Amino acid sequence: MKYSREQLMEAVSGQMPEKRWKHTLGVMHTSVELAKRYGVDPDKAELAAILHDVAKYWPVQQMEEVIRSHPECDQELLEHDKQLWHSEVGYCVAARDYGVDDSEIRNAIRWHTSGRVGMSLLDKVVCLADYIEPGRDFPGVEHIRKQAKKSLEQGLVAGFDSTISLLLEKKKVIFPLTVLSRNDLIQQLKQRKTEVHE
């Protein structure tokens, strides 16, 4: 990696307003906490958390250019809500601009908004930390925090349910991968329950 932890934090904090940087600090703290609780590498969790919103405040055109110029990016994402683009852009610029080549870390950045089918433990940690960091204050967040104490999967199902409910209420389009991710987590929980009773 091109940067020390402190250099990276300074560089990333300059990419966003102070309020969003405070959120990032909260996601870093919560990611490390969840990583230690659920047996994930806390250093990788923290690094992914530092970079997870690096492109959140980039101009739309700049984000579009990054996605279009990187064939490994999901080009179909450009047909969906622009709020989702920053995670894909973060995935690309983590390597390009900051020298983070670790695919586990980059994937955790990539999937922190929508999730994916077959999320890794690191994906789950960063995605869930993004929902429950201490600065988050939205209806239902305490329920998500309670579920997060039971398991990463239960916390994420509660988080995705919250997102999907809000989008339904506002009559907005639901990104298909969010639904698929939620359903996959439900299947994982069912499978685990079956294994316990066998």
Foldseek 3Di string as FASTA:
>chain_A
DQDDPVRLLVVLCVQDDPVVSVLLVLLLVQLLVLCVVPVHPSVLLNVLSSLLQSCQPPDLVVLLVQQVVDVVHDNCCVVDDSNLSRLSSSLRCCCVPVNPPPNLSSVLSNQLDQHAQPNDPSVLSSNLSSLARPVDDDPQNVVLVVLVVVDSLRSLLSVLVVVVVVCVVVVHDDDVRNVVRSVNSVVVVVVVVVVVVD
